[in-house]
């Protein structure tokens, strides 16, 4: 496994480890993206997880908007989504999180080497 720029915790382990250069590359690629999905009042449901999973399989890099009142609540929801879809959290700014997971069938994003 490649060393990780964001440290996983015991509560939320990350299976995809990104280097600082890869993280920077993905942040740049996500800059012009619009948030594809939004987490509403029902929180993280199985239907939402299935939608995020499908979007990651198709696009590999997605933005998710999380509508939670406080920062801790947003962090918990974002970390839960990332854990359940087995994705790396690339960036989190305010209510928007960027998630990355390489596609199993057809990879579109080629990450720079470490």
Protein backbone atom coordinates (compact mmCIF):
# COMPACT_ATOMS: atom_id res chain seq x y z
CA UNK A 1 0.00 0.00 0.00
CA UNK A 2 1.20 3.51 -0.81
CA UNK A 3 1.69 5.85 2.16
CA UNK A 4 -1.36 7.97 2.84
CA UNK A 5 -1.52 11.76 2.96
CA UNK A 6 -4.59 11.66 5.21
CA UNK A 7 -4.17 9.37 8.14
CA UNK A 8 -6.89 6.79 8.57
CA UNK A 9 -8.24 6.28 12.05
CA UNK A 10 -9.14 2.97 13.66
CA UNK A 11 -12.78 3.97 13.40
CA UNK A 12 -12.61 4.87 9.68
CA UNK A 13 -9.83 2.95 7.89
CA UNK A 14 -9.05 3.89 4.30
CA UNK A 15 -8.35 1.15 1.83
CA UNK A 16 -7.16 3.50 -0.91
CA UNK A 17 -4.04 5.32 0.16
CA UNK A 18 -3.01 8.39 -1.82
CA UNK A 19 0.29 10.21 -1.81
CA UNK A 20 0.40 13.99 -1.50
CA UNK A 21 1.08 14.33 -5.25
CA UNK A 22 -1.85 12.06 -6.13
CA UNK A 23 -4.11 13.94 -3.73
CA UNK A 24 -3.07 17.26 -5.26
CA UNK A 25 -3.69 15.89 -8.78
CA UNK A 26 -7.19 14.69 -7.83
CA UNK A 27 -8.06 17.98 -6.14
CA UNK A 28 -7.16 19.78 -9.35
CA UNK A 29 -9.22 17.36 -11.44
CA UNK A 30 -12.22 17.83 -9.14
CA UNK A 31 -12.05 21.62 -9.18
CA UNK A 32 -14.55 22.11 -12.04
CA UNK A 33 -16.89 19.28 -11.02
CA UNK A 34 -20.36 19.99 -9.70
CA UNK A 35 -21.71 18.09 -6.69
CA UNK A 36 -23.46 15.02 -8.13
CA UNK A 37 -25.20 13.81 -5.00
CA UNK A 38 -26.58 15.39 -1.88
CA UNK A 39 -27.01 13.87 1.56
CA UNK A 40 -30.30 15.15 3.00
CA UNK A 41 -32.17 14.90 6.25
CA UNK A 42 -32.40 11.10 6.16
CA UNK A 43 -28.61 10.82 6.41
CA UNK A 44 -26.63 7.99 4.87
CA UNK A 45 -29.14 5.45 3.58
CA UNK A 46 -28.56 2.28 1.58
CA UNK A 47 -30.03 4.00 -1.49
CA UNK A 48 -27.57 6.89 -1.14
CA UNK A 49 -24.65 4.50 -0.73
CA UNK A 50 -25.76 2.62 -3.87
CA UNK A 51 -25.94 5.90 -5.84
CA UNK A 52 -22.49 7.03 -4.66
CA UNK A 53 -21.10 3.57 -5.47
CA UNK A 54 -22.54 3.70 -8.98
CA UNK A 55 -21.29 7.25 -9.55
CA UNK A 56 -17.79 6.28 -8.42
CA UNK A 57 -17.77 3.23 -10.67
CA UNK A 58 -18.77 5.38 -13.64
CA UNK A 59 -16.81 8.60 -12.94
CA UNK A 60 -14.12 7.56 -10.38
CA UNK A 61 -14.10 11.10 -8.92
CA UNK A 62 -17.27 12.64 -7.49
CA UNK A 63 -18.35 15.53 -5.30
CA UNK A 64 -20.96 14.91 -2.62
CA UNK A 65 -22.76 17.70 -0.80
CA UNK A 66 -23.63 17.01 2.82
CA UNK A 67 -26.36 19.03 4.52
CA UNK A 68 -25.53 18.74 8.21
CA UNK A 69 -25.78 21.55 10.73
CA UNK A 70 -22.40 21.22 12.42
CA UNK A 71 -18.89 20.31 11.31
CA UNK A 72 -18.67 17.13 13.41
CA UNK A 73 -21.92 15.83 11.94
CA UNK A 74 -20.66 16.50 8.40
CA UNK A 75 -17.36 14.78 9.12
CA UNK A 76 -19.12 11.70 10.46
CA UNK A 77 -21.46 11.49 7.45
CA UNK A 78 -18.62 11.99 4.95
CA UNK A 79 -16.42 9.41 6.64
CA UNK A 80 -19.29 6.92 6.76
CA UNK A 81 -19.99 7.35 3.04
CA UNK A 82 -16.29 6.96 2.17
CA UNK A 83 -16.02 3.84 4.32
CA UNK A 84 -19.17 2.20 2.96
CA UNK A 85 -18.24 2.74 -0.71
CA UNK A 86 -14.56 1.94 -0.10
CA UNK A 87 -13.36 5.29 -1.45
CA UNK A 88 -10.61 7.72 -0.55
CA UNK A 89 -11.57 11.13 0.78
CA UNK A 90 -9.61 13.53 -1.43
CA UNK A 91 -10.85 16.83 -0.07
CA UNK A 92 -13.49 18.32 2.17
CA UNK A 93 -14.43 21.99 1.96
CA UNK A 94 -17.45 23.16 3.90
CA UNK A 95 -20.42 21.00 2.93
CA UNK A 96 -18.73 19.41 -0.10
CA UNK A 97 -16.54 16.30 -0.11
CA UNK A 98 -14.55 14.87 -3.02
CA UNK A 99 -14.33 11.06 -3.17
CA UNK A 100 -12.11 8.92 -5.40
CA UNK A 101 -12.18 5.23 -6.18
CA UNK A 102 -10.69 3.64 -9.30
CA UNK A 103 -13.19 1.83 -11.49
CA UNK A 104 -13.06 -1.96 -11.51
CA UNK A 105 -13.89 -2.25 -15.23
CA UNK A 106 -12.51 0.82 -16.98
CA UNK A 107 -10.08 3.20 -15.37
CA UNK A 108 -10.30 6.75 -16.70
CA UNK A 109 -8.06 8.63 -14.28
CA UNK A 110 -4.36 7.84 -14.38
CA UNK A 111 -2.74 8.92 -11.12
CA UNK A 112 0.82 10.27 -11.05
CA UNK A 113 3.44 8.04 -9.49
CA UNK A 114 4.54 8.65 -5.93
